[in-house]
Protein backbone atom coordinates (compact mmCIF):
# COMPACT_ATOMS: atom_id res chain seq x y z
CA MET A 1 -13.33 126.72 111.35
CA SER A 2 -12.72 129.39 113.93
CA VAL A 3 -11.79 128.33 117.46
CA GLN A 4 -12.09 130.57 120.52
CA ILE A 5 -10.89 129.42 123.93
CA ARG A 6 -11.64 131.71 126.84
CA ALA A 7 -10.77 131.22 130.51
CA LYS A 8 -12.49 133.21 133.27
CA GLY A 9 -10.92 133.26 136.71
CA LEU A 10 -8.22 130.70 136.00
CA THR A 11 -4.93 130.42 134.18
CA LEU A 12 -4.91 128.15 131.15
CA LYS A 13 -1.76 126.08 130.63
CA ASP A 14 -0.36 125.52 127.14
CA SER A 15 -0.80 121.75 127.50
CA THR A 16 -4.48 122.16 128.39
CA LYS A 17 -5.02 124.51 125.47
CA ALA A 18 -3.29 122.06 123.12
CA HIS A 19 -5.47 119.21 124.46
CA ILE A 20 -8.64 121.20 123.71
CA GLU A 21 -7.42 122.17 120.22
CA ASN A 22 -6.54 118.54 119.39
CA ALA A 23 -9.98 117.40 120.49
CA ILE A 24 -11.64 120.08 118.37
CA ALA A 25 -9.55 119.02 115.38
CA ALA A 26 -10.80 115.46 115.93
CA PHE A 27 -14.40 116.70 115.55
CA GLU A 28 -13.73 117.05 111.81
CA LYS A 29 -13.87 113.26 111.41
CA PHE A 30 -17.67 113.46 111.40
CA GLY A 31 -17.69 115.39 108.12
CA LEU A 32 -19.95 118.11 109.48
CA ASP A 33 -19.52 121.69 108.33
CA ILE A 34 -18.38 123.09 111.70
CA THR A 35 -18.04 126.86 111.33
CA LYS A 36 -17.12 127.97 114.84
CA VAL A 37 -16.23 126.42 118.19
CA GLN A 38 -16.27 128.48 121.38
CA VAL A 39 -14.87 127.01 124.60
CA VAL A 40 -15.45 128.83 127.87
CA LEU A 41 -13.67 127.67 131.03
CA ASP A 42 -15.04 129.32 134.15
CA ALA A 43 -13.79 128.98 137.73
CA GLU A 44 -16.61 128.69 140.26
CA LYS A 45 -16.75 128.43 144.06
CA LYS A 46 -16.90 124.65 143.92
CA GLY A 47 -15.04 123.49 140.84
CA VAL A 48 -14.89 124.42 137.20
CA HIS A 49 -17.55 124.93 134.53
CA VAL A 50 -16.70 124.05 130.91
CA GLU A 51 -18.93 125.01 127.98
CA PHE A 52 -18.47 123.91 124.37
CA ASN A 53 -20.53 125.89 121.86
CA ILE A 54 -20.19 124.18 118.46
CA HIS A 55 -21.78 125.87 115.46
CA VAL A 56 -22.62 123.58 112.55
CA ALA A 57 -23.73 125.13 109.26
CA HIS A 58 -27.50 124.89 108.62
CA GLU A 59 -28.13 123.23 112.01
CA GLN A 60 -28.78 124.30 115.58
CA PRO A 61 -25.58 124.80 117.61
CA VAL A 62 -24.44 121.93 119.82
CA ILE A 63 -23.97 123.25 123.36
CA ILE A 64 -22.27 121.10 125.98
CA ASN A 65 -22.09 122.22 129.63
CA GLN A 66 -19.97 120.29 132.11
CA HIS A 67 -19.20 120.97 135.77
CA ASP A 68 -16.55 119.15 137.81
CA ASP A 69 -14.13 119.75 140.66
CA ASP A 70 -11.08 119.12 138.45
CA LEU A 71 -10.39 121.15 135.29
CA ASP A 72 -8.93 118.26 133.29
CA ALA A 73 -11.77 115.92 134.24
CA ALA A 74 -14.37 118.52 133.24
CA ILE A 75 -12.65 119.10 129.89
CA ASP A 76 -12.41 115.37 129.16
CA LEU A 77 -16.06 114.76 130.05
CA ALA A 78 -17.16 117.71 127.90
CA ILE A 79 -15.08 116.43 124.96
CA ASP A 80 -16.64 112.96 125.29
CA ARG A 81 -20.14 114.41 125.42
CA ALA A 82 -19.44 116.67 122.42
CA THR A 83 -18.06 113.72 120.45
CA ASN A 84 -21.21 111.69 121.19
CA ALA A 85 -23.50 114.60 120.26
CA LEU A 86 -21.67 115.25 116.99
CA GLY A 87 -21.79 111.54 116.17
CA ARG A 88 -25.56 111.51 116.71
CA LEU A 89 -25.92 114.63 114.54
CA HIS A 90 -23.84 113.00 111.80
CA ASP A 91 -26.02 109.87 111.92
CA LYS A 92 -29.16 112.01 111.78
CA LEU A 93 -27.94 113.91 108.74
CA ALA A 94 -26.64 110.83 106.91
CA ASP A 95 -29.21 109.34 104.59
CA HIS A 96 -29.76 105.78 105.73
CA LYS A 97 -32.37 105.18 103.06
CA LYS A 98 -30.00 105.27 100.13
CA THR A 99 -30.48 102.62 97.52
CA SER A 100 -27.70 100.11 97.46
CA ILE A 101 -26.11 99.04 94.22
CA LYS A 102 -27.56 95.54 94.68
CA ASP A 103 -31.12 96.94 94.66
CA LEU A 104 -30.74 98.75 91.35
CA GLU A 105 -32.46 97.21 88.37
CA VAL A 106 -30.68 96.91 85.07
CA GLU A 107 -32.45 98.69 82.24
CA ALA A 108 -32.02 97.04 78.87
């Protein structure tokens, strides 16, 4: 998985970058084939805009946009929203109609 973190108009601290990378590493728990994650942090007149662009193989990309006055709050909200979206995608892709072992008939 390739990870790109880009900051426009603001200086990114090492702790903030590490927080984003740890959150992206946690996305792997869903078992999705995530190929690329792009994070864009953009300073605006009134606050900060955070965009997560998560590319999953054979699916549409998951794009999360978050705006807040505080950089850390915007990042945390975007991470929470991305986690929820990836969880929903995982549930959608998981086959809930699998036959359980109890439903199988024994052939003699």
